[in-house]
C-alpha atoms as a PDB file:
ATOM      1  CA  MET A   1      -0.192  -0.488   0.027  1.00  0.00           C
ATOM      2  CA  ARG A   2       1.672   3.302  -0.567  1.00  0.00           C
ATOM      3  CA  ARG A   3       1.696   5.570   2.026  1.00  0.00           C
ATOM      4  CA  TRP A   4       3.079   9.408   1.955  1.00  0.00           C
ATOM      5  CA  ARG A   5       3.928   9.542   5.887  1.00  0.00           C
ATOM      6  CA  THR A   6       5.382  12.298   8.123  1.00  0.00           C
ATOM      7  CA  VAL A   7       7.867  11.494   9.740  1.00  0.00           C
ATOM      8  CA  TRP A   8       5.650  13.517  13.246  1.00  0.00           C
ATOM      9  CA  LEU A   9       3.886  11.281  15.330  1.00  0.00           C
ATOM     10  CA  VAL A  10      -0.091  11.308  14.140  1.00  0.00           C
ATOM     11  CA  LEU A  11      -0.774  10.322  18.182  1.00  0.00           C
ATOM     12  CA  ALA A  12      -0.107  14.778  18.668  1.00  0.00           C
ATOM     13  CA  VAL A  13      -2.671  15.375  15.971  1.00  0.00           C
ATOM     14  CA  SER A  14      -5.524  14.199  18.182  1.00  0.00           C
ATOM     15  CA  ALA A  15      -3.800  17.042  21.026  1.00  0.00           C
ATOM     16  CA  LEU A  16      -3.974  19.915  18.280  1.00  0.00           C
ATOM     17  CA  ILE A  17      -7.627  19.538  15.947  1.00  0.00           C
ATOM     18  CA  SER A  18     -10.555  17.198  16.369  1.00  0.00           C
ATOM     19  CA  VAL A  19     -11.022  15.318  13.195  1.00  0.00           C
ATOM     20  CA  GLY A  20     -14.540  13.169  13.159  1.00  0.00           C
ATOM     21  CA  ALA A  21     -14.510  10.516  10.218  1.00  0.00           C
ATOM     22  CA  GLY A  22     -18.753  10.174  10.116  1.00  0.00           C
ATOM     23  CA  GLY A  23     -17.956   6.424  10.818  1.00  0.00           C
ATOM     24  CA  ALA A  24     -16.728   5.514   7.906  1.00  0.00           C
ATOM     25  CA  VAL A  25     -16.269   2.512   6.585  1.00  0.00           C
ATOM     26  CA  ALA A  26     -13.852   1.008   3.502  1.00  0.00           C
ATOM     27  CA  SER A  27     -14.239  -1.906   2.163  1.00  0.00           C
ATOM     28  CA  ALA A  28     -11.325  -3.996   3.828  1.00  0.00           C
ATOM     29  CA  SER A  29     -10.584  -5.653   0.209  1.00  0.00           C
ATOM     30  CA  VAL A  30      -9.351  -2.015  -0.679  1.00  0.00           C
ATOM     31  CA  ARG A  31      -8.368   0.110   2.247  1.00  0.00           C
ATOM     32  CA  ARG A  32      -9.458   0.297   5.634  1.00  0.00           C
ATOM     33  CA  ALA A  33     -11.572   2.781   7.530  1.00  0.00           C
ATOM     34  CA  ASP A  34      -9.059   3.972  10.052  1.00  0.00           C
ATOM     35  CA  ASP A  35      -5.817   4.079   7.388  1.00  0.00           C
ATOM     36  CA  MET A  36      -7.655   6.605   6.127  1.00  0.00           C
ATOM     37  CA  ASP A  37      -8.586   8.115   8.973  1.00  0.00           C
ATOM     38  CA  THR A  38      -5.466   8.517   9.823  1.00  0.00           C
ATOM     39  CA  ASP A  39      -3.686   9.562   6.631  1.00  0.00           C
ATOM     40  CA  ILE A  40      -6.680  12.336   7.031  1.00  0.00           C
ATOM     41  CA  ALA A  41      -5.798  13.274  10.312  1.00  0.00           C
ATOM     42  CA  THR A  42      -1.693  13.374   9.159  1.00  0.00           C
ATOM     43  CA  ALA A  43      -3.203  15.810   6.623  1.00  0.00           C
ATOM     44  CA  VAL A  44      -4.842  17.589   8.474  1.00  0.00           C
ATOM     45  CA  TYR A  45      -1.506  18.196  10.592  1.00  0.00           C
ATOM     46  CA  VAL A  46       0.897  18.152   7.777  1.00  0.00           C
ATOM     47  CA  VAL A  47      -1.772  21.267   6.216  1.00  0.00           C
ATOM     48  CA  ASN A  48      -1.470  23.182   8.542  1.00  0.00           C
ATOM     49  CA  ARG A  49       1.800  23.185   9.374  1.00  0.00           C
ATOM     50  CA  TYR A  50       3.405  24.317   6.576  1.00  0.00           C
ATOM     51  CA  TRP A  51       1.375  27.699   6.879  1.00  0.00           C
ATOM     52  CA  ALA A  52       1.955  28.157  10.202  1.00  0.00           C
ATOM     53  CA  SER A  53       5.017  27.859   9.942  1.00  0.00           C
ATOM     54  CA  HIS A  54       5.799  29.674   6.497  1.00  0.00           C
ATOM     55  CA  TRP A  55       3.740  32.913   6.155  1.00  0.00           C
ATOM     56  CA  SER A  56       4.997  34.821   7.415  1.00  0.00           C
ATOM     57  CA  GLN A  57       7.187  34.667   3.883  1.00  0.00           C
ATOM     58  CA  PHE A  58       4.787  35.291   1.721  1.00  0.00           C
ATOM     59  CA  PHE A  59       2.216  37.619   3.428  1.00  0.00           C
ATOM     60  CA  THR A  60       1.030  39.947   5.819  1.00  0.00           C
ATOM     61  CA  GLY A  61      -0.623  39.760   9.471  1.00  0.00           C
ATOM     62  CA  ARG A  62      -0.491  36.504  11.193  1.00  0.00           C
ATOM     63  CA  TYR A  63      -1.968  32.774  10.439  1.00  0.00           C
ATOM     64  CA  SER A  64      -5.540  31.736  12.151  1.00  0.00           C
ATOM     65  CA  PRO A  65      -6.521  28.168  11.175  1.00  0.00           C
ATOM     66  CA  PRO A  66      -9.791  27.461  10.083  1.00  0.00           C
ATOM     67  CA  GLY A  67     -11.660  24.849  12.054  1.00  0.00           C
ATOM     68  CA  VAL A  68     -11.466  21.453  11.749  1.00  0.00           C
ATOM     69  CA  PHE A  69     -15.576  19.721  11.295  1.00  0.00           C
ATOM     70  CA  GLY A  70     -13.938  16.820   9.984  1.00  0.00           C
ATOM     71  CA  GLY A  71     -16.280  14.641   7.560  1.00  0.00           C
ATOM     72  CA  TYR A  72     -19.826  13.870   7.330  1.00  0.00           C
ATOM     73  CA  ARG A  73     -21.688  10.906   5.194  1.00  0.00           C
ATOM     74  CA  SER A  74     -25.631   9.780   4.583  1.00  0.00           C
ATOM     75  CA  GLY A  75     -26.951   7.625   7.250  1.00  0.00           C
ATOM     76  CA  GLY A  76     -24.425   9.290   9.788  1.00  0.00           C
ATOM     77  CA  ARG A  77     -22.993  12.203  10.954  1.00  0.00           C
ATOM     78  CA  LYS A  78     -24.989  14.904   9.321  1.00  0.00           C
ATOM     79  CA  PRO A  79     -23.152  18.179   7.128  1.00  0.00           C
ATOM     80  CA  PRO A  80     -22.797  21.072   9.086  1.00  0.00           C
ATOM     81  CA  PHE A  81     -24.856  24.529   8.323  1.00  0.00           C
ATOM     82  CA  CYS A  82     -22.808  27.365   6.127  1.00  0.00           C
ATOM     83  CA  GLY A  83     -24.646  30.365   5.455  1.00  0.00           C
ATOM     84  CA  GLY A  84     -28.268  28.887   7.237  1.00  0.00           C
ATOM     85  CA  ARG A  85     -27.974  25.784   5.329  1.00  0.00           C
ATOM     86  CA  ARG A  86     -26.948  22.321   5.668  1.00  0.00           C
ATOM     87  CA  LEU A  87     -23.612  22.018   3.348  1.00  0.00           C
ATOM     88  CA  ASP A  88     -24.471  19.113   0.604  1.00  0.00           C
ATOM     89  CA  TYR A  89     -23.193  15.424   0.486  1.00  0.00           C
ATOM     90  CA  GLY A  90     -20.582  14.137  -2.088  1.00  0.00           C
ATOM     91  CA  ASN A  91     -18.557  17.138  -1.775  1.00  0.00           C
ATOM     92  CA  ALA A  92     -15.671  18.461   0.344  1.00  0.00           C
ATOM     93  CA  TRP A  93     -15.971  22.903   1.660  1.00  0.00           C
ATOM     94  CA  TYR A  94     -14.506  25.151   3.037  1.00  0.00           C
ATOM     95  CA  CYS A  95     -17.037  27.830   4.688  1.00  0.00           C
ATOM     96  CA  ARG A  96     -16.467  30.924   4.065  1.00  0.00           C
ATOM     97  CA  ASP A  97     -19.472  32.438   7.291  1.00  0.00           C
ATOM     98  CA  GLY A  98     -17.769  29.123   8.765  1.00  0.00           C
ATOM     99  CA  ASP A  99     -14.650  29.228   9.069  1.00  0.00           C
ATOM    100  CA  TYR A 100     -14.275  25.640   9.067  1.00  0.00           C
ATOM    101  CA  ILE A 101     -13.308  22.842   6.564  1.00  0.00           C
ATOM    102  CA  ALA A 102     -15.680  19.366   6.267  1.00  0.00           C
ATOM    103  CA  TRP A 103     -16.494  16.996   3.886  1.00  0.00           C
ATOM    104  CA  ASP A 104     -18.452  14.008   2.775  1.00  0.00           C
ATOM    105  CA  VAL A 105     -16.660  10.789   3.485  1.00  0.00           C
ATOM    106  CA  GLY A 106     -17.777   9.325   0.986  1.00  0.00           C
ATOM    107  CA  LEU A 107     -15.829  11.416  -1.271  1.00  0.00           C
ATOM    108  CA  MET A 108     -13.170  10.588   0.753  1.00  0.00           C
ATOM    109  CA  GLU A 109     -13.622   6.893  -0.299  1.00  0.00           C
ATOM    110  CA  ASP A 110     -14.215   6.903  -3.334  1.00  0.00           C
ATOM    111  CA  GLY A 111     -11.078   8.233  -4.295  1.00  0.00           C
ATOM    112  CA  TYR A 112      -8.855   6.323  -1.497  1.00  0.00           C
ATOM    113  CA  ARG A 113      -9.570   2.728  -3.207  1.00  0.00           C
ATOM    114  CA  PHE A 114      -7.091   4.271  -6.012  1.00  0.00           C
ATOM    115  CA  GLY A 115      -4.671   5.495  -3.832  1.00  0.00           C
ATOM    116  CA  ASP A 116      -3.720   7.451   0.028  1.00  0.00           C
ATOM    117  CA  ALA A 117      -2.747  10.633  -1.762  1.00  0.00           C
ATOM    118  CA  TRP A 118      -5.939  11.405  -2.967  1.00  0.00           C
ATOM    119  CA  VAL A 119      -7.330  12.930   0.890  1.00  0.00           C
ATOM    120  CA  TYR A 120      -4.094  14.560   1.038  1.00  0.00           C
ATOM    121  CA  LEU A 121      -5.508  16.644  -2.020  1.00  0.00           C
ATOM    122  CA  VAL A 122      -8.607  17.148  -0.894  1.00  0.00           C
ATOM    123  CA  ILE A 123      -7.492  18.453   3.184  1.00  0.00           C
ATOM    124  CA  ALA A 124      -4.829  20.611   0.909  1.00  0.00           C
ATOM    125  CA  HIS A 125      -7.467  22.164  -1.220  1.00  0.00           C
ATOM    126  CA  GLU A 126      -9.710  23.037   0.758  1.00  0.00           C
ATOM    127  CA  TRP A 127      -7.351  24.603   3.640  1.00  0.00           C
ATOM    128  CA  GLY A 128      -6.299  26.871  -0.411  1.00  0.00           C
ATOM    129  CA  HIS A 129      -9.552  28.177   0.168  1.00  0.00           C
ATOM    130  CA  ALA A 130      -9.167  29.242   3.376  1.00  0.00           C
ATOM    131  CA  VAL A 131      -5.666  30.536   2.568  1.00  0.00           C
ATOM    132  CA  GLN A 132      -8.031  32.976  -0.197  1.00  0.00           C
ATOM    133  CA  ARG A 133     -10.013  34.565   2.480  1.00  0.00           C
ATOM    134  CA  ARG A 134      -6.939  35.687   4.950  1.00  0.00           C
ATOM    135  CA  LEU A 135      -5.635  37.230   1.347  1.00  0.00           C
ATOM    136  CA  LYS A 136      -6.079  40.892  -0.229  1.00  0.00           C
ATOM    137  CA  ARG A 137      -8.849  40.931  -2.726  1.00  0.00           C
ATOM    138  CA  SER A 138      -5.904  41.694  -5.309  1.00  0.00           C
ATOM    139  CA  LEU A 139      -4.304  37.716  -4.251  1.00  0.00           C
ATOM    140  CA  VAL A 140      -7.043  36.125  -5.457  1.00  0.00           C
ATOM    141  CA  LEU A 141      -7.138  34.905  -8.706  1.00  0.00           C
ATOM    142  CA  ARG A 142     -10.196  35.022 -10.266  1.00  0.00           C
ATOM    143  CA  THR A 143      -9.796  31.465 -11.663  1.00  0.00           C
ATOM    144  CA  TYR A 144     -10.650  30.809  -7.839  1.00  0.00           C
ATOM    145  CA  GLU A 145     -10.591  26.856  -7.567  1.00  0.00           C
ATOM    146  CA  LEU A 146      -7.361  26.279  -9.698  1.00  0.00           C
ATOM    147  CA  GLN A 147      -5.500  28.778  -7.627  1.00  0.00           C
ATOM    148  CA  ALA A 148      -6.564  26.872  -4.213  1.00  0.00           C
ATOM    149  CA  ASP A 149      -5.077  23.277  -6.540  1.00  0.00           C
ATOM    150  CA  CYS A 150      -2.209  25.335  -7.462  1.00  0.00           C
ATOM    151  CA  LEU A 151      -1.306  26.319  -2.844  1.00  0.00           C
ATOM    152  CA  ALA A 152      -1.949  22.471  -2.155  1.00  0.00           C
ATOM    153  CA  GLY A 153       0.292  21.861  -5.009  1.00  0.00           C
ATOM    154  CA  ALA A 154       2.482  23.979  -3.147  1.00  0.00           C
ATOM    155  CA  ALA A 155       1.341  23.076   0.915  1.00  0.00           C
ATOM    156  CA  LEU A 156       2.709  19.793   0.249  1.00  0.00           C
ATOM    157  CA  TYR A 157       5.460  19.687  -1.618  1.00  0.00           C
ATOM    158  CA  GLY A 158       6.511  22.363   1.166  1.00  0.00           C
ATOM    159  CA  ALA A 159       5.789  19.871   3.256  1.00  0.00           C
ATOM    160  CA  ALA A 160       7.745  17.623   1.412  1.00  0.00           C
ATOM    161  CA  ALA A 161      11.219  19.841   1.787  1.00  0.00           C
ATOM    162  CA  ASP A 162      10.530  20.464   5.106  1.00  0.00           C
ATOM    163  CA  GLY A 163      11.153  17.022   5.994  1.00  0.00           C
ATOM    164  CA  ASN A 164       7.088  16.507   7.956  1.00  0.00           C
ATOM    165  CA  LEU A 165       6.133  14.344   4.625  1.00  0.00           C
ATOM    166  CA  ARG A 166       7.461  12.247   2.324  1.00  0.00           C
ATOM    167  CA  PHE A 167       6.090  11.014  -1.513  1.00  0.00           C
ATOM    168  CA  GLU A 168       6.352   7.778  -3.000  1.00  0.00           C
ATOM    169  CA  ARG A 169       6.756   6.910  -6.725  1.00  0.00           C
ATOM    170  CA  GLY A 170       2.901   6.969  -8.282  1.00  0.00           C
ATOM    171  CA  ASP A 171       1.268  10.014  -6.002  1.00  0.00           C
ATOM    172  CA  LEU A 172       1.127  11.992  -8.951  1.00  0.00           C
ATOM    173  CA  GLU A 173      -0.356   9.492 -11.128  1.00  0.00           C
ATOM    174  CA  GLU A 174      -2.793   8.832  -8.324  1.00  0.00           C
ATOM    175  CA  ILE A 175      -4.547  11.887  -7.931  1.00  0.00           C
ATOM    176  CA  GLU A 176      -4.589  12.207 -12.077  1.00  0.00           C
ATOM    177  CA  GLN A 177      -5.965   9.053 -11.958  1.00  0.00           C
ATOM    178  CA  VAL A 178      -8.619   9.852  -9.258  1.00  0.00           C
ATOM    179  CA  HIS A 179      -9.505  13.080 -11.233  1.00  0.00           C
ATOM    180  CA  ARG A 180     -10.047  11.626 -14.844  1.00  0.00           C
ATOM    181  CA  ARG A 181     -12.013   8.482 -12.845  1.00  0.00           C
ATOM    182  CA  LEU A 182     -14.116  10.180 -11.103  1.00  0.00           C
ATOM    183  CA  GLY A 183     -14.965  13.073 -13.328  1.00  0.00           C
ATOM    184  CA  ASP A 184     -18.185  14.763 -13.033  1.00  0.00           C
ATOM    185  CA  GLU A 185     -19.424  12.215 -10.894  1.00  0.00           C
ATOM    186  CA  THR A 186     -18.487  14.358  -7.913  1.00  0.00           C
ATOM    187  CA  PRO A 187     -19.360  18.007  -6.936  1.00  0.00           C
ATOM    188  CA  TRP A 188     -15.303  18.633  -5.821  1.00  0.00           C
ATOM    189  CA  THR A 189     -14.754  16.979  -9.697  1.00  0.00           C
ATOM    190  CA  ASP A 190     -17.240  18.937 -11.039  1.00  0.00           C
ATOM    191  CA  VAL A 191     -15.475  20.609 -14.236  1.00  0.00           C
ATOM    192  CA  SER A 192     -17.666  23.595 -14.924  1.00  0.00           C
ATOM    193  CA  ASP A 193     -16.650  24.914 -11.677  1.00  0.00           C
ATOM    194  CA  HIS A 194     -13.841  23.273 -11.085  1.00  0.00           C
ATOM    195  CA  GLY A 195     -11.591  22.902 -14.587  1.00  0.00           C
ATOM    196  CA  THR A 196     -10.788  19.640 -16.232  1.00  0.00           C
ATOM    197  CA  ALA A 197      -8.725  16.839 -14.253  1.00  0.00           C
ATOM    198  CA  ALA A 198      -5.537  18.374 -17.150  1.00  0.00           C
ATOM    199  CA  GLN A 199      -5.929  21.847 -15.745  1.00  0.00           C
ATOM    200  CA  ARG A 200      -5.864  21.446 -11.780  1.00  0.00           C
ATOM    201  CA  MET A 201      -2.919  18.922 -11.743  1.00  0.00           C
ATOM    202  CA  SER A 202      -1.524  21.278 -14.037  1.00  0.00           C
ATOM    203  CA  ALA A 203      -1.766  23.957 -11.487  1.00  0.00           C
ATOM    204  CA  PHE A 204      -1.423  21.663  -9.108  1.00  0.00           C
ATOM    205  CA  ARG A 205       2.156  20.922 -10.254  1.00  0.00           C
ATOM    206  CA  ARG A 206       2.481  24.632 -10.527  1.00  0.00           C
ATOM    207  CA  GLY A 207       1.855  25.415  -6.917  1.00  0.00           C
ATOM    208  CA  ALA A 208       4.363  21.900  -6.326  1.00  0.00           C
ATOM    209  CA  GLY A 209       7.058  23.490  -9.226  1.00  0.00           C
ATOM    210  CA  HIS A 210       7.110  27.222  -7.834  1.00  0.00           C
ATOM    211  CA  GLY A 211       5.784  27.280  -4.257  1.00  0.00           C
ATOM    212  CA  VAL A 212       3.341  29.716  -2.798  1.00  0.00           C
ATOM    213  CA  PRO A 213       4.493  32.945  -5.407  1.00  0.00           C
ATOM    214  CA  GLY A 214       3.693  30.459  -8.595  1.00  0.00           C
ATOM    215  CA  CYS A 215       0.176  30.697  -6.560  1.00  0.00           C
ATOM    216  CA  LEU A 216      -0.328  34.432  -7.070  1.00  0.00           C
ATOM    217  CA  PRO A 217      -0.454  37.045  -9.568  1.00  0.00           C
ATOM    218  CA  GLY A 218       2.706  37.769 -11.847  1.00  0.00           C
END
């Protein structure tokens, strides 16, 4: 099983954040739910650590992390309210009104079947939206979703450069494969507002190669 591993003890995560997985139950023949929950918790910890450590290199003001509602699922934990209405299923979110991230466990499971890299992308992408909310409007691109993908690449590869995350051969291919397989099957991969799989991977790679400055207006 391919895994992105942090050199930090995952046990430390529980002392810093609250990540609810909504009682995820993944097929034993594919990947175990506890493995996915561990990867999600690790992704939250690593992405937050990157932005907390590097914020002052790129932006003014103090960094503050978004809240983490965690996972919800049909028939289980209900999605939270955002702006007076409950979030929809089949998606992952950054709620501007509440300044928190949340996700449908089913979406995570769908991508996790093809590799654990998927959940790192989803967490880093939604965290990218939280970063956008903290920026001056002039720094937020009109290609809002693709900029979040770019910031995700910058954060994950930045965490790897810090020694907090290790990429394994095939991780990027995993992400691209899931994008293509899911296509428009979920709101999170809807081409009409998120961009095509090729566009999203291009944005992610730009952040990976050029860091945060590569995701900002030139």
